Amino acid sequence: MTMPESFNLDRLPTPIGTALLVTDADGLLRAMDWEDYESRMQQLLRLHYGAVNLKNGRGPRELRAALTGYFRGDLDRLAAIRWRVAGTPFQQKVWNALPKIPAGTTLSYSALAAKLKMPKAVRAVGHANGSNPISVVVPCHRLIGASGSLVKYGGGLERKRWLLQHEGVQIA
């Protein structure tokens, strides 16, 4: 029997709630979610890693500083954060494409599917986006509906709206 993965769990106050930061022994971010969505985060961790042992522990100083800087308006700080995710090759492809959407811009699910050279995979892109374990840093909030609507966000639409406006997106 394999040992459960062991990760550190830290909490970081932000303007839109307390962020949960899950890091591994190498200090890489494995998950980020909101305190009020902790059970969903636990579910995603179990899905990706099987049994997980979360112990309270402070996240790396650089990670906390980068996120704090981002929430203070230094949007480029997210690029400095080192992260690793477990997921299917397709999920990995979607999650690795998300940080390439510049802060202050959005992309529709269909535009991302086309960028990935899989124009028919719009729903699959949406599903992968919805199971992204690293909120904010892997910016799933930058994907919107074809009509420009915010559609859904795992952390709640109010947070998605705040994040997009924080990054300079004009929302109708």
N, C-alpha and C. Protein backbone atom coordinates (compact mmCIF):
# COMPACT_ATOMS: atom_id res chain seq x y z
N MET A 1 0.84 -1.20 0.00
CA MET A 1 0.00 0.00 0.00
C MET A 1 0.88 1.24 0.00
N THR A 2 0.54 2.22 -0.82
CA THR A 2 1.35 3.43 -0.88
C THR A 2 0.96 4.39 0.24
N MET A 3 1.96 5.13 0.68
CA MET A 3 1.72 6.13 1.72
C MET A 3 0.95 7.30 1.10
N PRO A 4 0.07 7.92 1.90
CA PRO A 4 -0.63 9.09 1.35
C PRO A 4 0.36 10.23 1.11
N GLU A 5 0.09 11.04 0.08
CA GLU A 5 0.90 12.23 -0.17
C GLU A 5 0.77 13.13 1.05
N SER A 6 1.85 13.78 1.41
CA SER A 6 1.82 14.69 2.54
C SER A 6 2.10 16.11 2.05
N PHE A 7 1.19 17.01 2.35
CA PHE A 7 1.32 18.40 1.92
C PHE A 7 1.13 19.34 3.11
N ASN A 8 1.66 20.54 2.97
CA ASN A 8 1.44 21.59 3.97
C ASN A 8 0.24 22.41 3.58
N LEU A 9 -0.51 22.85 4.56
CA LEU A 9 -1.67 23.71 4.34
C LEU A 9 -1.44 25.02 5.08
N ASP A 10 -1.48 26.11 4.32
CA ASP A 10 -1.31 27.44 4.90
C ASP A 10 -2.55 28.26 4.56
N ARG A 11 -2.78 29.31 5.32
CA ARG A 11 -3.92 30.20 5.08
C ARG A 11 -3.38 31.61 4.89
N LEU A 12 -3.86 32.27 3.83
CA LEU A 12 -3.40 33.62 3.51
C LEU A 12 -4.60 34.54 3.38
N PRO A 13 -4.69 35.58 4.23
CA PRO A 13 -5.80 36.52 4.08
C PRO A 13 -5.65 37.31 2.77
N THR A 14 -6.76 37.47 2.04
CA THR A 14 -6.76 38.25 0.80
C THR A 14 -7.99 39.17 0.86
N PRO A 15 -8.08 40.14 -0.05
CA PRO A 15 -9.26 41.02 -0.06
C PRO A 15 -10.56 40.28 -0.35
N ILE A 16 -10.49 39.06 -0.87
CA ILE A 16 -11.72 38.33 -1.22
C ILE A 16 -11.87 37.04 -0.42
N GLY A 17 -11.25 37.00 0.74
CA GLY A 17 -11.40 35.83 1.60
C GLY A 17 -10.06 35.19 1.89
N THR A 18 -10.10 34.21 2.78
CA THR A 18 -8.87 33.51 3.14
C THR A 18 -8.56 32.45 2.10
N ALA A 19 -7.36 32.53 1.54
CA ALA A 19 -6.91 31.55 0.55
C ALA A 19 -6.23 30.40 1.27
N LEU A 20 -6.51 29.19 0.81
CA LEU A 20 -5.85 27.99 1.32
C LEU A 20 -4.72 27.66 0.34
N LEU A 21 -3.51 27.54 0.85
CA LEU A 21 -2.35 27.24 0.02
C LEU A 21 -1.82 25.87 0.40
N VAL A 22 -1.80 24.96 -0.57
CA VAL A 22 -1.29 23.61 -0.33
C VAL A 22 0.03 23.48 -1.07
N THR A 23 1.10 23.19 -0.32
CA THR A 23 2.42 23.07 -0.92
C THR A 23 3.05 21.73 -0.57
N ASP A 24 3.98 21.30 -1.44
CA ASP A 24 4.67 20.03 -1.20
C ASP A 24 6.01 20.28 -0.50
N ALA A 25 6.75 19.22 -0.29
CA ALA A 25 8.04 19.31 0.42
C ALA A 25 9.04 20.18 -0.32
N ASP A 26 8.88 20.32 -1.64
CA ASP A 26 9.78 21.17 -2.43
C ASP A 26 9.32 22.62 -2.46
N GLY A 27 8.23 22.92 -1.77
CA GLY A 27 7.72 24.29 -1.73
C GLY A 27 6.89 24.66 -2.95
N LEU A 28 6.55 23.66 -3.78
CA LEU A 28 5.73 23.93 -4.97
C LEU A 28 4.26 23.98 -4.58
N LEU A 29 3.53 24.92 -5.18
CA LEU A 29 2.11 25.04 -4.93
C LEU A 29 1.38 23.88 -5.61
N ARG A 30 0.59 23.13 -4.86
CA ARG A 30 -0.16 22.00 -5.41
C ARG A 30 -1.65 22.30 -5.52
N ALA A 31 -2.13 23.20 -4.66
CA ALA A 31 -3.54 23.59 -4.71
C ALA A 31 -3.68 24.95 -4.05
N MET A 32 -4.65 25.70 -4.55
CA MET A 32 -5.02 26.96 -3.91
C MET A 32 -6.52 27.10 -4.08
N ASP A 33 -7.19 27.32 -3.00
CA ASP A 33 -8.64 27.50 -3.05
C ASP A 33 -9.03 28.42 -1.92
N TRP A 34 -10.31 28.57 -1.71
CA TRP A 34 -10.83 29.49 -0.71
C TRP A 34 -11.33 28.71 0.49
N GLU A 35 -11.17 29.29 1.66
CA GLU A 35 -11.56 28.63 2.91
C GLU A 35 -13.00 28.13 2.86
N ASP A 36 -13.89 28.90 2.25
CA ASP A 36 -15.30 28.47 2.19
C ASP A 36 -15.53 27.37 1.15
N TYR A 37 -14.48 26.98 0.43
CA TYR A 37 -14.57 25.88 -0.54
C TYR A 37 -13.57 24.77 -0.19
N GLU A 38 -13.21 24.68 1.08
CA GLU A 38 -12.19 23.71 1.49
C GLU A 38 -12.57 22.27 1.13
N SER A 39 -13.84 21.91 1.28
CA SER A 39 -14.24 20.53 1.00
C SER A 39 -14.04 20.22 -0.49
N ARG A 40 -14.33 21.19 -1.37
CA ARG A 40 -14.11 20.97 -2.80
C ARG A 40 -12.61 20.79 -3.08
N MET A 41 -11.79 21.60 -2.44
CA MET A 41 -10.34 21.48 -2.62
C MET A 41 -9.86 20.09 -2.18
N GLN A 42 -10.35 19.64 -1.03
CA GLN A 42 -9.98 18.31 -0.52
C GLN A 42 -10.39 17.24 -1.53
N GLN A 43 -11.55 17.40 -2.12
CA GLN A 43 -12.06 16.44 -3.11
C GLN A 43 -11.14 16.42 -4.34
N LEU A 44 -10.74 17.61 -4.84
CA LEU A 44 -9.84 17.66 -5.99
C LEU A 44 -8.49 17.04 -5.65
N LEU A 45 -7.98 17.30 -4.46
CA LEU A 45 -6.71 16.69 -4.05
C LEU A 45 -6.81 15.17 -4.05
N ARG A 46 -7.92 14.64 -3.48
CA ARG A 46 -8.12 13.19 -3.45
C ARG A 46 -8.20 12.63 -4.86
N LEU A 47 -8.91 13.34 -5.72
CA LEU A 47 -9.06 12.92 -7.11
C LEU A 47 -7.70 12.82 -7.80
N HIS A 48 -6.84 13.81 -7.58
CA HIS A 48 -5.55 13.86 -8.27
C HIS A 48 -4.44 13.05 -7.59
N TYR A 49 -4.52 12.90 -6.28
CA TYR A 49 -3.41 12.26 -5.57
C TYR A 49 -3.80 11.04 -4.75
N GLY A 50 -5.09 10.72 -4.67
CA GLY A 50 -5.50 9.64 -3.79
C GLY A 50 -5.54 10.16 -2.37
N ALA A 51 -5.18 9.33 -1.41
CA ALA A 51 -5.19 9.76 -0.02
C ALA A 51 -4.16 10.87 0.18
N VAL A 52 -4.57 11.92 0.87
CA VAL A 52 -3.70 13.06 1.11
C VAL A 52 -3.68 13.39 2.59
N ASN A 53 -2.50 13.65 3.10
CA ASN A 53 -2.33 14.06 4.48
C ASN A 53 -1.97 15.54 4.47
N LEU A 54 -2.89 16.40 4.93
CA LEU A 54 -2.64 17.83 5.00
C LEU A 54 -2.27 18.21 6.42
N LYS A 55 -1.10 18.82 6.57
CA LYS A 55 -0.74 19.29 7.91
C LYS A 55 -0.51 20.79 7.87
N ASN A 56 -0.95 21.46 8.92
CA ASN A 56 -0.78 22.90 8.95
C ASN A 56 0.70 23.24 8.93
N GLY A 57 1.07 24.13 8.05
CA GLY A 57 2.46 24.55 7.94
C GLY A 57 2.53 25.77 7.05
N ARG A 58 3.43 26.65 7.35
CA ARG A 58 3.55 27.89 6.58
C ARG A 58 4.08 27.61 5.18
N GLY A 59 3.45 28.24 4.19
CA GLY A 59 3.92 28.13 2.82
C GLY A 59 5.23 28.89 2.66
N PRO A 60 5.97 28.63 1.59
CA PRO A 60 7.23 29.33 1.37
C PRO A 60 7.03 30.85 1.34
N ARG A 61 8.00 31.56 1.88
CA ARG A 61 7.93 33.02 1.96
C ARG A 61 7.71 33.64 0.58
N GLU A 62 8.43 33.11 -0.45
CA GLU A 62 8.31 33.67 -1.80
C GLU A 62 6.88 33.52 -2.32
N LEU A 63 6.26 32.39 -2.04
CA LEU A 63 4.89 32.14 -2.49
C LEU A 63 3.94 33.14 -1.84
N ARG A 64 4.04 33.28 -0.52
CA ARG A 64 3.16 34.22 0.21
C ARG A 64 3.38 35.65 -0.28
N ALA A 65 4.65 36.02 -0.50
CA ALA A 65 4.96 37.38 -0.95
C ALA A 65 4.41 37.63 -2.35
N ALA A 66 4.54 36.64 -3.24
CA ALA A 66 4.05 36.79 -4.61
C ALA A 66 2.53 36.96 -4.62
N LEU A 67 1.82 36.15 -3.84
CA LEU A 67 0.37 36.25 -3.80
C LEU A 67 -0.08 37.57 -3.17
N THR A 68 0.59 37.96 -2.08
CA THR A 68 0.26 39.23 -1.44
C THR A 68 0.49 40.37 -2.42
N GLY A 69 1.60 40.32 -3.16
CA GLY A 69 1.89 41.34 -4.17
C GLY A 69 0.81 41.39 -5.24
N TYR A 70 0.40 40.21 -5.71
CA TYR A 70 -0.66 40.15 -6.72
C TYR A 70 -1.93 40.83 -6.21
N PHE A 71 -2.34 40.50 -4.98
CA PHE A 71 -3.58 41.07 -4.45
C PHE A 71 -3.44 42.57 -4.18
N ARG A 72 -2.21 43.05 -4.07
CA ARG A 72 -1.98 44.50 -3.90
C ARG A 72 -1.90 45.21 -5.24
N GLY A 73 -1.95 44.46 -6.36
CA GLY A 73 -1.96 45.10 -7.66
C GLY A 73 -0.76 44.81 -8.55
N ASP A 74 0.23 44.09 -8.02
CA ASP A 74 1.40 43.74 -8.84
C ASP A 74 1.10 42.41 -9.54
N LEU A 75 0.34 42.51 -10.65
CA LEU A 75 -0.23 41.34 -11.30
C LEU A 75 0.81 40.38 -11.86
N ASP A 76 1.99 40.87 -12.17
CA ASP A 76 3.04 40.02 -12.75
C ASP A 76 3.63 39.04 -11.74
N ARG A 77 3.33 39.22 -10.47
CA ARG A 77 3.91 38.36 -9.43
C ARG A 77 3.49 36.90 -9.56
N LEU A 78 2.34 36.64 -10.17
CA LEU A 78 1.86 35.25 -10.30
C LEU A 78 2.85 34.40 -11.09
N ALA A 79 3.51 35.01 -12.08
CA ALA A 79 4.43 34.26 -12.96
C ALA A 79 5.61 33.68 -12.19
N ALA A 80 5.92 34.25 -11.03
CA ALA A 80 7.06 33.79 -10.24
C ALA A 80 6.74 32.56 -9.40
N ILE A 81 5.47 32.22 -9.31
CA ILE A 81 5.06 31.12 -8.43
C ILE A 81 5.30 29.78 -9.11
N ARG A 82 6.01 28.91 -8.39
CA ARG A 82 6.28 27.56 -8.91
C ARG A 82 5.16 26.63 -8.45
N TRP A 83 4.60 25.88 -9.40
CA TRP A 83 3.49 24.99 -9.09
C TRP A 83 3.62 23.69 -9.86
N ARG A 84 2.90 22.70 -9.37
CA ARG A 84 2.87 21.38 -10.02
C ARG A 84 1.47 20.82 -9.81
N VAL A 85 0.91 20.25 -10.88
CA VAL A 85 -0.41 19.63 -10.75
C VAL A 85 -0.37 18.21 -11.29
N ALA A 86 -1.21 17.40 -10.71
CA ALA A 86 -1.42 16.04 -11.23
C ALA A 86 -2.76 16.09 -11.94
N GLY A 87 -2.84 15.50 -13.09
CA GLY A 87 -4.10 15.46 -13.82
C GLY A 87 -3.87 14.69 -15.10
N THR A 88 -4.90 14.54 -15.87
CA THR A 88 -4.76 13.82 -17.15
C THR A 88 -3.91 14.68 -18.09
N PRO A 89 -3.35 14.07 -19.13
CA PRO A 89 -2.59 14.88 -20.10
C PRO A 89 -3.43 16.03 -20.67
N PHE A 90 -4.72 15.79 -20.91
CA PHE A 90 -5.57 16.86 -21.43
C PHE A 90 -5.72 18.00 -20.41
N GLN A 91 -5.99 17.63 -19.15
CA GLN A 91 -6.12 18.64 -18.10
C GLN A 91 -4.83 19.46 -18.00
N GLN A 92 -3.70 18.76 -18.02
CA GLN A 92 -2.40 19.43 -17.93
C GLN A 92 -2.25 20.45 -19.06
N LYS A 93 -2.68 20.04 -20.26
CA LYS A 93 -2.58 20.92 -21.43
C LYS A 93 -3.40 22.19 -21.19
N VAL A 94 -4.63 22.03 -20.70
CA VAL A 94 -5.49 23.19 -20.42
C VAL A 94 -4.88 24.05 -19.32
N TRP A 95 -4.47 23.41 -18.22
CA TRP A 95 -3.95 24.18 -17.09
C TRP A 95 -2.66 24.92 -17.45
N ASN A 96 -1.84 24.31 -18.30
CA ASN A 96 -0.60 24.99 -18.70
C ASN A 96 -0.86 26.12 -19.69
N ALA A 97 -2.01 26.08 -20.37
CA ALA A 97 -2.37 27.16 -21.30
C ALA A 97 -2.93 28.38 -20.57
N LEU A 98 -3.56 28.16 -19.42
CA LEU A 98 -4.23 29.26 -18.71
C LEU A 98 -3.28 30.41 -18.33
N PRO A 99 -2.09 30.12 -17.77
CA PRO A 99 -1.20 31.24 -17.40
C PRO A 99 -0.70 32.04 -18.61
N LYS A 100 -0.91 31.52 -19.81
CA LYS A 100 -0.49 32.25 -21.01
C LYS A 100 -1.52 33.31 -21.41
N ILE A 101 -2.69 33.30 -20.77
CA ILE A 101 -3.69 34.35 -21.00
C ILE A 101 -3.24 35.53 -20.14
N PRO A 102 -2.85 36.64 -20.75
CA PRO A 102 -2.31 37.76 -19.96
C PRO A 102 -3.33 38.33 -18.97
N ALA A 103 -2.85 38.78 -17.82
CA ALA A 103 -3.70 39.46 -16.85
C ALA A 103 -4.35 40.64 -17.56
N GLY A 104 -5.60 40.89 -17.26
CA GLY A 104 -6.30 42.00 -17.88
C GLY A 104 -7.01 41.61 -19.16
N THR A 105 -6.87 40.34 -19.54
CA THR A 105 -7.56 39.86 -20.74
C THR A 105 -8.33 38.60 -20.39
N THR A 106 -9.28 38.25 -21.25
CA THR A 106 -10.04 37.02 -21.07
C THR A 106 -10.06 36.28 -22.39
N LEU A 107 -10.46 35.02 -22.30
CA LEU A 107 -10.56 34.18 -23.48
C LEU A 107 -11.83 33.35 -23.30
N SER A 108 -12.51 33.04 -24.39
CA SER A 108 -13.69 32.17 -24.26
C SER A 108 -13.20 30.72 -24.25
N TYR A 109 -14.05 29.86 -23.75
CA TYR A 109 -13.72 28.43 -23.72
C TYR A 109 -13.43 27.94 -25.13
N SER A 110 -14.25 28.38 -26.10
CA SER A 110 -14.07 27.92 -27.47
C SER A 110 -12.76 28.45 -28.06
N ALA A 111 -12.37 29.68 -27.70
CA ALA A 111 -11.10 30.23 -28.20
C ALA A 111 -9.93 29.44 -27.64
N LEU A 112 -10.02 29.03 -26.37
CA LEU A 112 -8.94 28.23 -25.79
C LEU A 112 -8.89 26.85 -26.46
N ALA A 113 -10.05 26.25 -26.69
CA ALA A 113 -10.08 24.94 -27.36
C ALA A 113 -9.43 25.06 -28.74
N ALA A 114 -9.72 26.14 -29.46
CA ALA A 114 -9.13 26.35 -30.79
C ALA A 114 -7.61 26.53 -30.67
N LYS A 115 -7.17 27.30 -29.66
CA LYS A 115 -5.73 27.51 -29.44
C LYS A 115 -5.01 26.18 -29.18
N LEU A 116 -5.71 25.28 -28.51
CA LEU A 116 -5.13 23.97 -28.21
C LEU A 116 -5.25 23.01 -29.40
N LYS A 117 -5.72 23.52 -30.52
CA LYS A 117 -5.91 22.74 -31.76
C LYS A 117 -6.93 21.62 -31.57
N MET A 118 -7.93 21.89 -30.72
CA MET A 118 -9.02 20.94 -30.49
C MET A 118 -10.32 21.71 -30.44
N PRO A 119 -10.71 22.34 -31.55
CA PRO A 119 -11.88 23.23 -31.53
C PRO A 119 -13.18 22.58 -31.08
N LYS A 120 -13.28 21.26 -31.19
CA LYS A 120 -14.51 20.58 -30.77
C LYS A 120 -14.52 20.26 -29.27
N ALA A 121 -13.43 20.51 -28.60
CA ALA A 121 -13.30 20.11 -27.19
C ALA A 121 -13.72 21.21 -26.21
N VAL A 122 -14.66 22.05 -26.60
CA VAL A 122 -15.08 23.18 -25.76
C VAL A 122 -15.56 22.71 -24.38
N ARG A 123 -16.41 21.71 -24.37
CA ARG A 123 -16.94 21.22 -23.08
C ARG A 123 -15.83 20.60 -22.24
N ALA A 124 -14.94 19.86 -22.89
CA ALA A 124 -13.82 19.25 -22.16
C ALA A 124 -12.91 20.32 -21.57
N VAL A 125 -12.70 21.40 -22.32
CA VAL A 125 -11.90 22.52 -21.80
C VAL A 125 -12.60 23.10 -20.58
N GLY A 126 -13.91 23.27 -20.67
CA GLY A 126 -14.69 23.78 -19.54
C GLY A 126 -14.58 22.88 -18.32
N HIS A 127 -14.67 21.57 -18.57
CA HIS A 127 -14.58 20.61 -17.47
C HIS A 127 -13.19 20.65 -16.83
N ALA A 128 -12.14 20.67 -17.65
CA ALA A 128 -10.76 20.73 -17.12
C ALA A 128 -10.57 22.03 -16.35
N ASN A 129 -11.09 23.13 -16.90
CA ASN A 129 -10.97 24.42 -16.22
C ASN A 129 -11.63 24.36 -14.85
N GLY A 130 -12.79 23.72 -14.79
CA GLY A 130 -13.52 23.61 -13.53
C GLY A 130 -12.86 22.72 -12.51
N SER A 131 -11.96 21.84 -12.94
CA SER A 131 -11.30 20.97 -11.97
C SER A 131 -9.84 21.40 -11.75
N ASN A 132 -9.52 22.63 -12.12
CA ASN A 132 -8.20 23.19 -11.86
C ASN A 132 -8.02 23.33 -10.35
N PRO A 133 -7.00 22.67 -9.78
CA PRO A 133 -6.82 22.73 -8.33
C PRO A 133 -6.11 24.00 -7.85
N ILE A 134 -5.55 24.79 -8.78
CA ILE A 134 -4.77 25.96 -8.35
C ILE A 134 -5.45 27.24 -8.82
N SER A 135 -6.42 27.69 -8.02
CA SER A 135 -7.14 28.92 -8.28
C SER A 135 -6.17 30.10 -8.37
N VAL A 136 -6.54 31.14 -9.07
CA VAL A 136 -5.81 32.40 -9.22
C VAL A 136 -4.48 32.25 -9.95
N VAL A 137 -3.57 31.42 -9.43
CA VAL A 137 -2.23 31.26 -10.03
C VAL A 137 -2.33 30.62 -11.41
N VAL A 138 -3.15 29.58 -11.52
CA VAL A 138 -3.48 28.99 -12.82
C VAL A 138 -4.85 29.62 -13.11
N PRO A 139 -4.84 30.76 -13.83
CA PRO A 139 -5.98 31.69 -13.83
C PRO A 139 -7.22 31.24 -14.61
N CYS A 140 -7.90 30.26 -14.05
CA CYS A 140 -9.14 29.77 -14.66
C CYS A 140 -10.20 30.87 -14.70
N HIS A 141 -10.05 31.90 -13.86
CA HIS A 141 -11.03 32.99 -13.86
C HIS A 141 -10.99 33.81 -15.15
N ARG A 142 -9.93 33.66 -15.95
CA ARG A 142 -9.82 34.43 -17.21
C ARG A 142 -10.59 33.79 -18.37
N LEU A 143 -11.18 32.61 -18.14
CA LEU A 143 -12.02 32.00 -19.18
C LEU A 143 -13.46 32.42 -18.95
N ILE A 144 -14.09 32.90 -20.04
CA ILE A 144 -15.46 33.38 -19.94
C ILE A 144 -16.29 32.75 -21.06
N GLY A 145 -17.58 32.93 -20.99
CA GLY A 145 -18.48 32.41 -22.02
C GLY A 145 -18.31 33.16 -23.34
N ALA A 146 -18.74 32.54 -24.42
CA ALA A 146 -18.61 33.13 -25.76
C ALA A 146 -19.31 34.48 -25.84
N SER A 147 -20.38 34.65 -25.07
CA SER A 147 -21.15 35.91 -25.11
C SER A 147 -20.50 36.99 -24.25
N GLY A 148 -19.40 36.63 -23.58
CA GLY A 148 -18.76 37.58 -22.66
C GLY A 148 -19.27 37.44 -21.24
N SER A 149 -20.19 36.48 -21.02
CA SER A 149 -20.72 36.28 -19.66
C SER A 149 -19.67 35.57 -18.80
N LEU A 150 -19.75 35.80 -17.50
CA LEU A 150 -18.76 35.22 -16.59
C LEU A 150 -18.92 33.71 -16.45
N VAL A 151 -20.04 33.16 -16.81
CA VAL A 151 -20.34 31.73 -16.68
C VAL A 151 -20.11 31.33 -15.23
N LYS A 152 -19.31 30.30 -14.95
CA LYS A 152 -19.19 29.89 -13.55
C LYS A 152 -17.74 29.95 -13.09
N TYR A 153 -17.57 29.95 -11.77
CA TYR A 153 -16.24 29.97 -11.17
C TYR A 153 -16.33 29.19 -9.88
N GLY A 154 -15.40 28.27 -9.70
CA GLY A 154 -15.42 27.41 -8.50
C GLY A 154 -15.44 28.18 -7.19
N GLY A 155 -14.85 29.37 -7.18
CA GLY A 155 -14.80 30.16 -5.96
C GLY A 155 -15.95 31.15 -5.84
N GLY A 156 -16.92 31.04 -6.74
CA GLY A 156 -18.07 31.95 -6.72
C GLY A 156 -17.90 33.08 -7.72
N LEU A 157 -19.00 33.46 -8.36
CA LEU A 157 -18.95 34.50 -9.39
C LEU A 157 -18.48 35.85 -8.86
N GLU A 158 -18.79 36.17 -7.59
CA GLU A 158 -18.36 37.45 -7.03
C GLU A 158 -16.83 37.51 -7.03
N ARG A 159 -16.19 36.41 -6.67
CA ARG A 159 -14.72 36.38 -6.67
C ARG A 159 -14.17 36.50 -8.09
N LYS A 160 -14.80 35.80 -9.03
CA LYS A 160 -14.35 35.87 -10.42
C LYS A 160 -14.43 37.31 -10.91
N ARG A 161 -15.56 37.96 -10.64
CA ARG A 161 -15.74 39.36 -11.04
C ARG A 161 -14.66 40.23 -10.41
N TRP A 162 -14.40 40.04 -9.11
CA TRP A 162 -13.39 40.83 -8.42
C TRP A 162 -12.00 40.62 -9.05
N LEU A 163 -11.63 39.36 -9.28
CA LEU A 163 -10.32 39.04 -9.86
C LEU A 163 -10.16 39.70 -11.23
N LEU A 164 -11.17 39.58 -12.07
CA LEU A 164 -11.09 40.16 -13.41
C LEU A 164 -11.00 41.68 -13.34
N GLN A 165 -11.82 42.31 -12.50
CA GLN A 165 -11.76 43.77 -12.36
C GLN A 165 -10.42 44.20 -11.78
N HIS A 166 -9.91 43.43 -10.82
CA HIS A 166 -8.60 43.70 -10.21
C HIS A 166 -7.51 43.69 -11.29
N GLU A 167 -7.68 42.81 -12.28
CA GLU A 167 -6.70 42.71 -13.36
C GLU A 167 -6.96 43.71 -14.48
N GLY A 168 -8.02 44.50 -14.34
CA GLY A 168 -8.28 45.55 -15.32
C GLY A 168 -9.26 45.20 -16.42
N VAL A 169 -9.97 44.08 -16.27
CA VAL A 169 -10.97 43.70 -17.28
C VAL A 169 -12.24 44.52 -17.05
N GLN A 170 -12.76 45.10 -18.12
CA GLN A 170 -14.04 45.82 -18.04
C GLN A 170 -15.15 44.79 -18.14
N ILE A 171 -16.01 44.77 -17.13
CA ILE A 171 -17.12 43.80 -17.14
C ILE A 171 -18.42 44.53 -17.32
N ALA A 172 -19.19 44.08 -18.28
CA ALA A 172 -20.48 44.73 -18.59
C ALA A 172 -21.44 44.62 -17.42
